[in-house]
Amino acid sequence: MATEEIKNNNSIQKEFQILLDQDFKDRKLKENEIIKATVSEITKNFVVVDCKAKMEGMIPVEEFQNDKEFEKLKIGSQIDVYLERIESFKGEIIISREKARKMKTWKKMEKVFETQEEMTGYITGKVKGGFITNVEGLPCFMPSSQIDVRPLKRVDHLMNTPVKVIATRIDKNRGNVCVSRRAVLEKSKNAEISEALKNIKEGDIVDNAIVKATTDWGIFLEINGIDALLHVSDLSHGRVKKPADLVTIGQKLKVKITKIDEKTNRVSASVKALTEDPFENIEKKYKVGEIYEGVVTKIMDYGCFVKIEDGVEGLIHSSELDWTNRNIKPNKVLSVSQKIKFKIASIDKDTKRISLSYKATLENPWDKIKDKIGKEVKIKINNITDKAIFGELTDSKLSGMLHYKEISYQENIENLKKFKKNEILSVKILEIKDDKIRFSKRALEKDPLDWFKENKKKVGDIITTRIHEVLKTGVKVAIDQDKRLIVTIRKADLAKDSADARPEVFSKDNALDAKITELDIESRKIKLSVKAAQIDEEKSLIAKFCEGATKAGATLKGIFEKAIGKKGKKEK
């Protein structure tokens, strides 16, 4: 009897085993995939689920805490789980609710990234550069700049609360996702603005534009719930230093809508568009060359701005501030708020630019100085350079140049070393050209070249000179007795015969006859030649004692002998 019962039990177990194996075979469980599981028991620490495997799986309750799913669970609830292993070395099935949620969310994230669909997330913590945001179980990164449309000092009110986000970047290789709350807010705001923009258009005049904020370059306005920009250049036809000086926060302004950008939903407004452009009839109000009054409003390195009337300003360039100094610093001549007279130099209506001159209203010292050309004046030395002295007239601030060649008639550059800064000199004004003065000190003295006029000497005349200095390349001779007129005779011009044209055969203070071959008083060029004088003397003797001697082949020696012989006979 017992033996039959054992046989029956074995046959039942085999039959059950066959049915069980067949059941598992039909279930087709695969690792690393999401499967359906039914909650069979809920304990304090685990949620027991039936995965239709050989045994039930156990999931820690912590995996259900992120989105409060645990509170909604009950026996019989179906959930998605991630099957890691069908059977571990202990014979247990290993599953995960959190990994299933992450995988499911990742697949969803890939779809919504393309469509830019909004998703709900929870900001759970702060990291370097941003925040960790849990989106349906998938940890994502939200940069600090993407948490709001404006920088937030505190974000406590957003922590662990549901926020709408959009996926902005997905890195499949690293499994990273970047999300943005700011994009959702801007999308919503843009939708509101687009709807509000339907009620306004370019050219509309708005009476209740509210000042929200001011910057150095403009004012932010709120027009019927829409943000608008009033640029500093649209505040007035004139120059505005700081918009904050004209308006206060909360003030209502009357403006004109000048531009609406449909792509960016940006609105531009203007105050000056409500008033007439003062440059429209500017040429009728003001004439070029006339003198008017205005107030200095701004001083720059290159000049001063002057207010002519409301909305109209002109520029006095630094070169138009002073007659004596074209590069003078404007702040040394004028100051802000100073009332001045000026002359209008030019008006450009198209560019809205007016050029003014301040010095044109002052006495021009150049007009007076022109009367002193050729007269003696006194200058104070301001600077000494390598080749000239620069000085300022003592009776005015006009400056000029005294070249080293104009110090003395010797034109010696070493003469510059004889003078010092701040020394007073007597000079003559030689020339005034392009507001530049040329002085001469030697012009106050008698010109050595006057000797030629006084003695009626000209080119071709033979004069007697005294050797002043013997050089290797020639000799220097003094023409006048005071030795103020020194001329160099070149070696080639010292004698007709090259054997006699040696400088060493000449001695200092010896008399030397030379012919004037070049004389230019203006350029101060003088050229003397002993050789030319000898040739002229030879021609003179030939002409005097033997006319036609050159035709008969006579020599100078024969002519001299013949002439001397005739002279001897007469003496006897």
Protein backbone atom coordinates (compact mmCIF):
# COMPACT_ATOMS: atom_id res chain seq x y z
CA MET A 1 0.00 0.00 0.00
CA ALA A 2 2.77 2.37 0.93
CA THR A 3 4.66 1.51 -2.22
CA GLU A 4 1.68 2.48 -4.41
CA GLU A 5 1.34 5.87 -2.66
CA ILE A 6 4.99 6.66 -3.28
CA LYS A 7 4.62 5.82 -6.95
CA ASN A 8 1.53 8.02 -7.20
CA ASN A 9 3.34 10.97 -5.52
CA ASN A 10 6.34 10.65 -7.83
CA SER A 11 4.12 10.62 -10.88
CA ILE A 12 2.30 13.77 -9.62
CA GLN A 13 5.59 15.57 -8.98
CA LYS A 14 6.87 14.69 -12.44
CA GLU A 15 3.66 15.88 -13.99
CA PHE A 16 3.85 19.15 -12.01
CA GLN A 17 7.48 19.61 -13.00
CA ILE A 18 6.61 19.13 -16.65
CA LEU A 19 3.77 21.62 -16.43
CA LEU A 20 6.01 24.13 -14.58
CA ASP A 21 8.82 23.84 -17.12
CA GLN A 22 6.34 24.23 -19.92
CA ASP A 23 4.93 27.33 -18.22
CA PHE A 24 8.40 28.91 -17.85
CA LYS A 25 9.18 28.02 -21.43
CA ASP A 26 6.11 29.92 -22.65
CA ARG A 27 6.98 32.99 -20.52
CA LYS A 28 10.17 33.73 -22.53
CA LEU A 29 11.92 35.93 -19.92
CA LYS A 30 15.00 37.80 -21.22
CA GLU A 31 17.64 39.55 -19.16
CA ASN A 32 18.36 43.31 -19.50
CA GLU A 33 14.80 44.07 -20.55
CA ILE A 34 11.74 45.66 -18.95
CA ILE A 35 9.04 43.17 -17.95
CA LYS A 36 5.65 43.37 -16.25
CA ALA A 37 5.36 42.33 -12.60
CA THR A 38 2.41 42.06 -10.18
CA VAL A 39 2.66 43.19 -6.56
CA SER A 40 1.97 40.16 -4.34
CA GLU A 41 3.05 41.51 -0.95
CA ILE A 42 4.16 44.79 0.61
CA THR A 43 6.42 44.67 3.65
CA LYS A 44 8.21 47.33 5.66
CA ASN A 45 11.43 47.10 3.65
CA PHE A 46 10.51 45.34 0.42
CA VAL A 47 7.87 45.13 -2.26
CA VAL A 48 7.38 41.52 -3.33
CA VAL A 49 6.35 41.05 -6.96
CA ASP A 50 5.45 38.13 -9.18
CA CYS A 51 7.40 38.15 -12.43
CA LYS A 52 6.14 34.71 -13.53
CA ALA A 53 9.58 33.35 -12.81
CA LYS A 54 10.57 30.39 -10.66
CA MET A 55 10.37 32.59 -7.61
CA GLU A 56 9.10 36.00 -6.61
CA GLY A 57 11.32 39.07 -6.73
CA MET A 58 11.98 41.56 -3.95
CA ILE A 59 12.46 45.29 -4.58
CA PRO A 60 13.63 47.70 -1.79
CA VAL A 61 11.01 50.30 -0.93
CA GLU A 62 13.63 53.07 -1.47
CA GLU A 63 13.24 52.59 -5.22
CA PHE A 64 9.63 53.83 -4.94
CA GLN A 65 10.25 56.97 -2.86
CA ASN A 66 11.32 59.50 -5.55
CA ASP A 67 7.91 60.22 -7.02
CA LYS A 68 5.75 58.98 -4.11
CA GLU A 69 4.80 55.86 -6.04
CA PHE A 70 4.99 53.75 -2.87
CA GLU A 71 1.93 55.47 -1.41
CA LYS A 72 -0.16 54.38 -4.41
CA LEU A 73 0.98 50.76 -4.44
CA LYS A 74 -1.36 47.93 -3.44
CA ILE A 75 -1.48 44.18 -3.84
CA GLY A 76 -2.35 43.29 -7.40
CA SER A 77 -0.85 46.48 -8.86
CA GLN A 78 1.12 45.95 -12.04
CA ILE A 79 4.48 47.71 -12.40
CA ASP A 80 7.38 47.71 -14.85
CA VAL A 81 10.63 46.26 -13.58
CA TYR A 82 14.06 45.80 -15.11
CA LEU A 83 15.21 42.16 -15.26
CA GLU A 84 18.93 42.08 -14.58
CA ARG A 85 19.33 38.29 -14.01
CA ILE A 86 16.81 35.45 -14.13
CA GLU A 87 18.74 33.48 -11.55
CA SER A 88 21.72 34.56 -9.40
CA PHE A 89 24.26 32.22 -7.81
CA LYS A 90 21.84 32.03 -4.86
CA GLY A 91 19.00 31.01 -7.20
CA GLU A 92 17.23 34.40 -6.77
CA ILE A 93 15.78 36.61 -9.51
CA ILE A 94 17.32 40.11 -9.60
CA ILE A 95 15.03 42.94 -10.68
CA SER A 96 14.95 46.76 -10.26
CA ARG A 97 12.10 49.22 -10.34
CA GLU A 98 14.44 52.26 -10.48
CA LYS A 99 16.40 50.99 -13.48
CA ALA A 100 13.17 50.23 -15.30
CA ARG A 101 11.98 53.74 -14.67
CA LYS A 102 15.30 55.19 -15.89
CA MET A 103 15.30 53.10 -19.05
CA LYS A 104 11.72 53.98 -19.79
CA THR A 105 12.37 57.65 -19.15
CA TRP A 106 15.48 57.58 -21.37
CA LYS A 107 13.47 56.21 -24.29
CA LYS A 108 10.82 58.82 -23.67
CA MET A 109 13.50 61.49 -23.37
CA GLU A 110 14.85 60.63 -26.81
CA LYS A 111 11.39 61.18 -28.28
CA VAL A 112 10.59 64.43 -26.47
CA PHE A 113 14.05 65.82 -27.28
CA GLU A 114 13.02 65.87 -30.92
CA THR A 115 9.56 67.30 -30.25
CA GLN A 116 10.66 69.63 -27.38
CA GLU A 117 7.79 68.34 -25.27
CA GLU A 118 7.63 69.52 -21.68
CA MET A 119 8.30 67.04 -18.84
CA THR A 120 7.97 67.20 -15.07
CA GLY A 121 11.09 67.03 -12.93
CA TYR A 122 12.27 67.53 -9.35
CA ILE A 123 15.38 69.58 -8.44
CA THR A 124 16.98 67.34 -5.83
CA GLY A 125 20.43 68.83 -5.28
CA LYS A 126 23.09 71.37 -6.26
CA VAL A 127 26.37 70.51 -8.01
CA LYS A 128 29.16 72.55 -9.59
CA GLY A 129 27.69 74.73 -12.33
CA GLY A 130 24.08 73.70 -11.85
CA PHE A 131 21.53 71.32 -10.29
CA ILE A 132 20.56 67.65 -10.33
CA THR A 133 17.01 67.29 -11.63
CA ASN A 134 15.15 63.99 -11.39
CA VAL A 135 12.87 63.56 -14.42
CA GLU A 136 10.66 60.47 -13.99
CA GLY A 137 13.47 58.66 -12.22
CA LEU A 138 16.26 59.76 -14.59
CA PRO A 139 18.88 62.08 -13.02
CA CYS A 140 19.49 65.04 -15.37
CA PHE A 141 21.70 68.12 -15.23
CA MET A 142 20.26 71.63 -15.23
CA PRO A 143 22.86 74.46 -15.66
CA SER A 144 22.49 77.42 -13.29
CA SER A 145 21.72 79.70 -16.24
CA GLN A 146 18.75 77.51 -17.22
CA ILE A 147 16.85 77.58 -13.93
CA ASP A 148 15.13 80.92 -14.64
CA VAL A 149 14.94 83.72 -17.18
CA ARG A 150 16.78 85.96 -14.70
CA PRO A 151 19.60 85.09 -12.27
CA LEU A 152 18.23 83.88 -8.93
CA LYS A 153 20.01 84.54 -5.64
CA ARG A 154 18.07 81.77 -3.88
CA VAL A 155 16.48 78.61 -5.26
CA ASP A 156 15.17 77.05 -2.07
CA HIS A 157 11.57 77.48 -3.20
CA LEU A 158 12.24 75.28 -6.24
CA MET A 159 13.95 72.38 -4.45
CA ASN A 160 12.02 69.05 -4.44
CA THR A 161 8.99 70.65 -6.07
CA PRO A 162 7.61 69.68 -9.50
CA VAL A 163 8.94 71.93 -12.29
CA LYS A 164 8.39 71.84 -16.02
CA VAL A 165 11.54 71.28 -18.09
CA ILE A 166 12.61 70.67 -21.68
CA ALA A 167 15.50 68.44 -22.74
CA THR A 168 18.13 70.62 -24.41
CA ARG A 169 20.92 68.06 -24.91
CA ILE A 170 21.27 64.25 -24.88
CA ASP A 171 24.58 62.37 -24.87
CA LYS A 172 23.78 58.71 -25.67
CA ASN A 173 27.36 57.55 -25.20
CA ARG A 174 27.65 58.91 -21.68
CA GLY A 175 24.01 58.66 -20.77
CA ASN A 176 23.83 62.36 -19.86
CA VAL A 177 20.82 64.64 -20.28
CA CYS A 178 20.68 68.42 -19.90
CA VAL A 179 17.33 70.05 -19.18
CA SER A 180 16.12 73.64 -18.96
CA ARG A 181 13.36 75.28 -16.93
CA ARG A 182 14.19 78.63 -18.49
CA ALA A 183 13.24 77.38 -21.96
CA VAL A 184 9.76 76.50 -20.69
CA LEU A 185 9.34 79.92 -19.07
CA GLU A 186 10.52 81.73 -22.21
CA LYS A 187 8.27 79.60 -24.38
CA SER A 188 5.32 80.48 -22.20
CA LYS A 189 6.35 84.13 -22.05
CA ASN A 190 6.81 84.32 -25.82
CA ALA A 191 3.37 82.86 -26.32
CA GLU A 192 1.92 85.54 -24.04
CA ILE A 193 3.91 88.26 -25.81
CA SER A 194 2.84 87.03 -29.25
CA GLU A 195 -0.77 87.23 -28.13
CA ALA A 196 -0.25 90.67 -26.61
CA LEU A 197 1.55 91.96 -29.71
CA LYS A 198 -1.63 91.45 -31.69
CA ASN A 199 -3.04 94.49 -29.88
CA ILE A 200 -0.25 96.92 -30.87
CA LYS A 201 1.55 97.83 -34.11
CA GLU A 202 4.39 100.02 -35.29
CA GLY A 203 3.50 103.70 -35.20
CA ASP A 204 1.13 103.42 -32.22
CA ILE A 205 1.42 106.09 -29.52
CA VAL A 206 1.20 104.74 -25.95
CA ASP A 207 0.48 107.02 -22.98
CA ASN A 208 1.07 104.55 -20.12
CA ALA A 209 4.49 103.02 -20.75
CA ILE A 210 5.90 102.22 -17.30
CA VAL A 211 9.64 102.58 -16.54
CA LYS A 212 10.91 99.24 -15.19
CA ALA A 213 14.70 99.75 -15.19
CA THR A 214 17.40 102.12 -16.45
CA THR A 215 20.89 101.55 -17.82
CA ASP A 216 23.56 103.80 -19.34
CA TRP A 217 22.38 102.85 -22.82
CA GLY A 218 18.60 102.98 -22.41
CA ILE A 219 15.37 102.43 -20.46
CA PHE A 220 13.31 99.24 -20.13
CA LEU A 221 9.56 99.83 -20.35
CA GLU A 222 6.43 97.76 -19.80
CA ILE A 223 3.73 98.41 -22.37
CA ASN A 224 0.51 96.48 -21.70
CA GLY A 225 2.46 93.58 -20.21
CA ILE A 226 5.12 93.64 -22.95
CA ASP A 227 8.77 94.56 -22.34
CA ALA A 228 10.07 97.32 -24.60
CA LEU A 229 13.38 99.14 -24.96
CA LEU A 230 13.73 102.90 -25.15
CA HIS A 231 17.30 103.42 -26.36
CA VAL A 232 19.25 106.44 -25.10
CA SER A 233 19.46 107.77 -28.66
CA ASP A 234 15.63 107.80 -28.83
CA LEU A 235 15.14 109.82 -25.65
CA SER A 236 15.87 113.21 -27.15
CA HIS A 237 17.10 114.88 -30.31
CA GLY A 238 19.97 116.19 -28.19
CA ARG A 239 22.71 114.43 -26.26
CA VAL A 240 21.66 112.55 -23.09
CA LYS A 241 24.34 111.70 -20.51
CA LYS A 242 22.41 109.31 -18.26
CA PRO A 243 18.81 108.12 -18.79
CA ALA A 244 18.47 107.78 -15.01
CA ASP A 245 18.73 111.60 -14.77
CA LEU A 246 15.53 111.99 -16.81
CA VAL A 247 13.20 109.29 -15.43
CA THR A 248 12.44 107.32 -12.26
CA ILE A 249 11.33 103.71 -11.74
CA GLY A 250 7.55 103.41 -12.04
CA GLN A 251 7.16 106.65 -13.99
CA LYS A 252 4.72 106.65 -16.90
CA LEU A 253 5.93 107.91 -20.25
CA LYS A 254 4.31 108.76 -23.54
CA VAL A 255 6.14 106.91 -26.30
CA LYS A 256 5.79 105.87 -29.92
CA ILE A 257 6.24 102.25 -31.03
CA THR A 258 8.98 102.45 -33.67
CA LYS A 259 9.77 98.77 -34.33
CA ILE A 260 8.38 95.29 -33.59
CA ASP A 261 10.62 92.32 -34.39
CA GLU A 262 8.31 89.38 -35.09
CA LYS A 263 11.12 86.83 -34.84
CA THR A 264 12.41 87.90 -31.43
CA ASN A 265 9.24 89.64 -30.18
CA ARG A 266 11.33 92.68 -29.27
CA VAL A 267 9.65 96.06 -29.14
CA SER A 268 11.46 99.39 -29.59
CA ALA A 269 9.98 102.68 -28.45
CA SER A 270 10.91 106.34 -28.87
CA VAL A 271 10.20 109.64 -27.14
CA LYS A 272 11.96 111.91 -29.61
CA ALA A 273 9.76 110.52 -32.43
CA LEU A 274 6.87 112.46 -30.84
CA THR A 275 8.63 115.80 -31.34
CA GLU A 276 9.74 117.65 -34.46
CA ASP A 277 13.33 117.15 -35.56
CA PRO A 278 15.13 120.46 -34.87
CA PHE A 279 17.49 119.74 -37.80
CA GLU A 280 14.57 119.87 -40.24
CA ASN A 281 14.87 123.65 -40.70
CA ILE A 282 18.32 124.13 -39.16
CA GLU A 283 19.73 126.04 -42.15
CA LYS A 284 17.00 128.66 -41.85
CA LYS A 285 17.70 129.25 -38.16
CA TYR A 286 21.48 129.36 -38.27
CA LYS A 287 23.86 130.68 -40.94
CA VAL A 288 27.42 129.56 -41.61
CA GLY A 289 29.88 132.32 -40.67
CA GLU A 290 27.57 133.95 -38.12
CA ILE A 291 28.32 134.21 -34.38
CA TYR A 292 25.90 132.76 -31.79
CA GLU A 293 25.84 131.89 -28.07
CA GLY A 294 25.64 128.45 -26.46
CA VAL A 295 26.55 126.39 -23.39
CA VAL A 296 29.37 123.84 -23.19
CA THR A 297 27.82 120.44 -22.39
CA LYS A 298 30.70 117.99 -22.74
CA ILE A 299 34.50 118.11 -23.02
CA MET A 300 36.43 115.38 -24.83
CA ASP A 301 40.10 114.96 -25.75
CA TYR A 302 39.36 116.00 -29.33
CA GLY A 303 37.09 118.99 -28.59
CA CYS A 304 34.02 120.41 -26.84
CA PHE A 305 30.29 119.93 -27.46
CA VAL A 306 28.14 123.04 -27.25
CA LYS A 307 24.36 123.17 -26.85
CA ILE A 308 22.93 125.61 -29.38
CA GLU A 309 19.28 124.90 -28.55
CA ASP A 310 17.24 121.95 -27.25
CA GLY A 311 18.15 118.94 -29.37
CA VAL A 312 20.88 120.75 -31.31
CA GLU A 313 24.57 120.52 -30.46
CA GLY A 314 27.75 121.46 -32.27
CA LEU A 315 31.39 120.43 -31.93
CA ILE A 316 34.33 122.76 -31.43
CA HIS A 317 37.38 120.77 -32.53
CA SER A 318 40.55 121.27 -30.47
CA SER A 319 42.17 122.98 -33.49
CA GLU A 320 39.44 125.67 -33.34
CA LEU A 321 39.97 126.61 -29.70
CA ASP A 322 43.17 128.67 -29.78
CA TRP A 323 45.04 130.66 -32.41
CA THR A 324 48.50 129.95 -31.01
CA ASN A 325 48.24 126.23 -30.14
CA ARG A 326 46.40 123.88 -32.50
CA ASN A 327 46.87 120.90 -30.16
CA ILE A 328 45.82 122.54 -26.92
CA LYS A 329 43.81 120.45 -24.42
CA PRO A 330 40.13 121.52 -24.50
CA ASN A 331 39.75 121.45 -20.71
CA LYS A 332 42.42 124.17 -20.44
CA VAL A 333 40.33 126.55 -22.53
CA LEU A 334 36.68 125.80 -21.69
CA SER A 335 34.67 124.12 -18.92
CA VAL A 336 31.29 122.37 -18.72
CA SER A 337 28.27 124.72 -18.25
CA GLN A 338 30.32 127.70 -19.47
CA LYS A 339 28.37 130.11 -21.68
CA ILE A 340 30.41 131.06 -24.76
CA LYS A 341 30.23 132.72 -28.15
CA PHE A 342 31.08 130.74 -31.26
CA LYS A 343 31.06 130.99 -35.04
CA ILE A 344 29.37 128.31 -37.15
CA ALA A 345 31.95 126.82 -39.52
CA SER A 346 29.73 124.27 -41.31
CA ILE A 347 26.32 122.55 -41.11
CA ASP A 348 25.72 119.01 -42.40
CA LYS A 349 21.98 118.43 -42.31
CA ASP A 350 22.16 114.80 -43.46
CA THR A 351 24.55 113.65 -40.73
CA LYS A 352 23.20 116.19 -38.21
CA ARG A 353 26.65 117.59 -37.51
CA ILE A 354 27.52 121.21 -36.88
CA SER A 355 31.15 122.37 -36.73
CA LEU A 356 31.90 125.41 -34.59
CA SER A 357 34.89 127.68 -34.00
CA TYR A 358 35.66 129.36 -30.70
CA LYS A 359 38.90 131.06 -31.74
CA ALA A 360 37.07 132.80 -34.60
CA THR A 361 35.35 134.96 -31.95
CA LEU A 362 38.71 135.96 -30.46
CA GLU A 363 41.27 138.48 -31.72
CA ASN A 364 43.59 136.84 -34.25
CA PRO A 365 47.23 137.56 -33.35
CA TRP A 366 48.31 136.39 -36.81
CA ASP A 367 46.66 139.44 -38.37
CA LYS A 368 48.84 141.75 -36.27
CA ILE A 369 52.07 139.85 -36.70
CA LYS A 370 51.90 140.16 -40.50
CA ASP A 371 52.68 143.86 -40.14
CA LYS A 372 55.98 142.96 -38.47
CA ILE A 373 57.47 141.00 -41.38
CA GLY A 374 60.98 142.37 -41.97
CA LYS A 375 61.05 144.11 -38.58
CA GLU A 376 63.06 143.42 -35.45
CA VAL A 377 61.29 141.54 -32.61
CA LYS A 378 62.28 139.80 -29.41
CA ILE A 379 61.76 136.09 -28.75
CA LYS A 380 62.14 133.84 -25.73
CA ILE A 381 63.87 130.53 -26.47
CA ASN A 382 61.55 127.58 -25.70
CA ASN A 383 63.52 124.73 -27.23
CA ILE A 384 66.82 124.02 -28.98
CA THR A 385 67.02 121.10 -31.40
CA ASP A 386 69.83 119.66 -33.52
CA LYS A 387 69.32 122.18 -36.31
CA ALA A 388 67.20 125.05 -35.02
CA ILE A 389 66.01 127.24 -32.17
CA PHE A 390 62.27 127.53 -31.42
CA GLY A 391 61.16 130.68 -29.69
CA GLU A 392 58.02 132.52 -28.64
CA LEU A 393 57.40 136.20 -29.32
CA THR A 394 57.57 138.12 -26.05
CA ASP A 395 54.60 140.34 -26.94
CA SER A 396 52.37 137.38 -27.98
CA LYS A 397 52.22 133.60 -27.67
CA LEU A 398 53.07 132.97 -31.30
CA SER A 399 56.06 130.70 -31.87
CA GLY A 400 58.54 130.44 -34.72
CA MET A 401 61.79 128.86 -35.83
CA LEU A 402 65.32 130.21 -36.08
CA HIS A 403 67.37 127.88 -38.28
CA TYR A 404 71.07 127.55 -37.50
CA LYS A 405 71.94 129.02 -40.92
CA GLU A 406 70.05 132.18 -39.93
CA ILE A 407 72.09 132.72 -36.76
CA SER A 408 75.12 134.11 -38.58
CA TYR A 409 76.40 134.47 -42.13
CA GLN A 410 79.05 131.82 -41.46
CA GLU A 411 76.19 129.27 -41.27
CA ASN A 412 78.03 127.29 -38.63
CA ILE A 413 75.86 124.67 -36.83
CA GLU A 414 78.11 124.97 -33.77
CA ASN A 415 76.54 128.38 -33.11
CA LEU A 416 73.52 126.58 -31.58
CA LYS A 417 75.64 125.73 -28.53
CA LYS A 418 76.00 129.42 -27.67
CA PHE A 419 72.34 129.75 -26.67
CA LYS A 420 70.28 128.50 -23.71
CA LYS A 421 66.60 127.92 -22.99
CA ASN A 422 64.59 130.98 -21.79
CA GLU A 423 67.22 133.36 -23.23
CA ILE A 424 65.87 136.51 -24.92
CA LEU A 425 67.07 137.13 -28.48
CA SER A 426 66.62 139.97 -30.95
CA VAL A 427 65.66 138.62 -34.38
CA LYS A 428 63.97 139.72 -37.58
CA ILE A 429 60.81 138.09 -38.97
CA LEU A 430 61.67 136.79 -42.42
CA GLU A 431 58.46 135.00 -43.42
CA ILE A 432 54.99 133.97 -42.18
CA LYS A 433 53.45 131.06 -44.05
CA ASP A 434 50.69 128.60 -43.02
CA ASP A 435 50.71 130.00 -39.46
CA LYS A 436 54.46 129.38 -39.20
CA ILE A 437 57.05 132.08 -38.51
CA ARG A 438 60.65 132.01 -39.73
CA PHE A 439 63.14 134.15 -37.79
CA SER A 440 66.66 135.38 -38.65
CA LYS A 441 69.29 136.79 -36.31
CA ARG A 442 71.92 137.50 -38.94
CA ALA A 443 69.43 139.65 -40.85
CA LEU A 444 69.95 142.32 -38.16
CA GLU A 445 73.60 142.56 -39.20
CA LYS A 446 75.14 143.93 -42.38
CA ASP A 447 75.24 141.29 -45.11
CA PRO A 448 78.84 140.59 -46.23
CA LEU A 449 77.53 140.05 -49.77
CA ASP A 450 76.71 143.77 -49.94
CA TRP A 451 80.45 144.17 -50.71
CA PHE A 452 79.75 143.18 -54.30
CA LYS A 453 77.09 145.90 -54.67
CA GLU A 454 79.18 148.53 -52.94
CA ASN A 455 82.24 147.76 -55.09
CA LYS A 456 80.12 147.18 -58.22
CA LYS A 457 81.56 143.72 -58.78
CA LYS A 458 79.81 141.19 -60.96
CA VAL A 459 80.38 137.86 -62.70
CA GLY A 460 83.44 138.06 -64.96
CA ASP A 461 85.29 140.65 -62.88
CA ILE A 462 88.74 139.87 -61.45
CA ILE A 463 89.25 140.72 -57.78
CA THR A 464 92.25 140.55 -55.44
CA THR A 465 91.81 138.32 -52.39
CA ARG A 466 93.93 137.29 -49.42
CA ILE A 467 94.57 133.63 -48.60
CA HIS A 468 92.82 132.89 -45.31
CA GLU A 469 93.48 129.14 -44.94
CA VAL A 470 95.26 126.47 -46.99
CA LEU A 471 93.41 123.17 -47.38
CA LYS A 472 94.31 119.86 -49.05
CA THR A 473 91.50 120.34 -51.55
CA GLY A 474 92.06 124.03 -52.19
CA VAL A 475 92.37 127.34 -50.36
CA LYS A 476 90.03 129.65 -48.49
CA VAL A 477 90.33 133.31 -49.40
CA ALA A 478 88.99 136.48 -47.80
CA ILE A 479 87.38 138.88 -50.22
CA ASP A 480 86.85 141.84 -47.83
CA GLN A 481 89.28 143.42 -45.38
CA ASP A 482 87.15 142.42 -42.34
CA LYS A 483 87.39 138.78 -43.46
CA ARG A 484 83.61 138.29 -43.14
CA LEU A 485 83.37 137.13 -46.74
CA ILE A 486 85.28 133.83 -46.99
CA VAL A 487 85.16 131.73 -50.18
CA THR A 488 86.79 128.39 -50.99
CA ILE A 489 88.67 128.05 -54.31
CA ARG A 490 88.94 124.46 -55.44
CA LYS A 491 92.29 122.87 -56.30
CA ALA A 492 91.30 122.55 -59.96
CA ASP A 493 90.73 126.34 -60.12
CA LEU A 494 94.04 127.39 -58.49
CA ALA A 495 96.15 127.56 -61.71
CA LYS A 496 96.02 126.98 -65.43
CA ASP A 497 98.84 124.45 -65.28
CA SER A 498 98.15 121.48 -63.06
CA ALA A 499 101.74 121.53 -61.77
CA ASP A 500 101.12 125.01 -60.33
CA ALA A 501 97.68 124.08 -58.90
CA ARG A 502 99.07 122.60 -55.70
CA PRO A 503 97.64 124.12 -52.49
CA GLU A 504 100.92 123.68 -50.61
CA VAL A 505 102.68 126.26 -52.82
CA PHE A 506 100.36 128.96 -51.43
CA SER A 507 100.86 130.72 -48.10
CA LYS A 508 98.45 132.45 -45.69
CA ASP A 509 97.88 136.22 -46.25
CA ASN A 510 99.35 136.10 -49.76
CA ALA A 511 97.46 138.10 -52.37
CA LEU A 512 95.66 136.08 -55.01
CA ASP A 513 93.84 137.39 -58.07
CA ALA A 514 90.71 135.41 -59.00
CA LYS A 515 87.84 135.75 -61.42
CA ILE A 516 84.17 135.76 -60.28
CA THR A 517 82.68 132.85 -62.22
CA GLU A 518 79.36 132.56 -60.27
CA LEU A 519 77.50 135.06 -58.08
CA ASP A 520 73.94 134.42 -56.81
CA ILE A 521 73.05 136.81 -53.99
CA GLU A 522 69.68 135.15 -53.18
CA SER A 523 71.03 131.61 -52.85
CA ARG A 524 74.32 133.01 -51.49
CA LYS A 525 76.51 131.16 -53.95
CA ILE A 526 79.95 132.55 -54.87
CA LYS A 527 82.54 130.84 -57.06
CA LEU A 528 86.06 132.17 -57.75
CA SER A 529 88.70 130.82 -60.12
CA VAL A 530 92.45 131.77 -60.34
CA LYS A 531 92.67 129.59 -63.41
CA ALA A 532 90.01 131.61 -65.22
CA ALA A 533 91.78 134.85 -64.25
CA GLN A 534 95.06 133.58 -65.72
CA ILE A 535 93.36 132.52 -68.95
CA ASP A 536 91.74 135.95 -69.29
CA GLU A 537 95.07 137.68 -68.63
CA GLU A 538 96.76 135.51 -71.27
CA LYS A 539 94.08 136.35 -73.81
CA SER A 540 94.45 140.03 -72.98
CA LEU A 541 98.21 139.98 -73.56
CA ILE A 542 97.85 138.15 -76.85
CA ALA A 543 95.28 140.64 -78.01
CA LYS A 544 97.42 143.61 -76.97
CA PHE A 545 100.86 142.66 -78.28
CA CYS A 546 100.26 140.40 -81.21
CA GLU A 547 96.97 140.49 -82.97
CA GLY A 548 96.52 137.37 -85.05
CA ALA A 549 99.44 135.69 -83.31
CA THR A 550 97.41 132.59 -82.72
CA LYS A 551 96.86 132.26 -86.45
CA ALA A 552 100.62 132.45 -87.16
CA GLY A 553 101.36 129.76 -84.58
CA ALA A 554 103.10 132.14 -82.13
CA THR A 555 103.65 131.05 -78.51
CA LEU A 556 103.06 133.04 -75.33
CA LYS A 557 106.82 132.90 -74.63
CA GLY A 558 107.61 134.42 -78.02
CA ILE A 559 105.03 137.12 -77.53
CA PHE A 560 106.46 138.03 -74.11
CA GLU A 561 110.05 138.05 -75.49
CA LYS A 562 108.99 140.20 -78.40
CA ALA A 563 107.12 142.54 -76.13
CA ILE A 564 110.03 142.81 -73.71
CA GLY A 565 112.48 143.34 -76.58
CA LYS A 566 110.44 146.25 -77.98
CA LYS A 567 110.26 147.76 -74.52
CA GLY A 568 114.09 147.51 -74.15
CA LYS A 569 114.70 149.33 -77.43
CA LYS A 570 112.41 152.17 -76.43
CA GLU A 571 114.27 152.56 -73.13
CA LYS A 572 117.63 152.85 -74.97
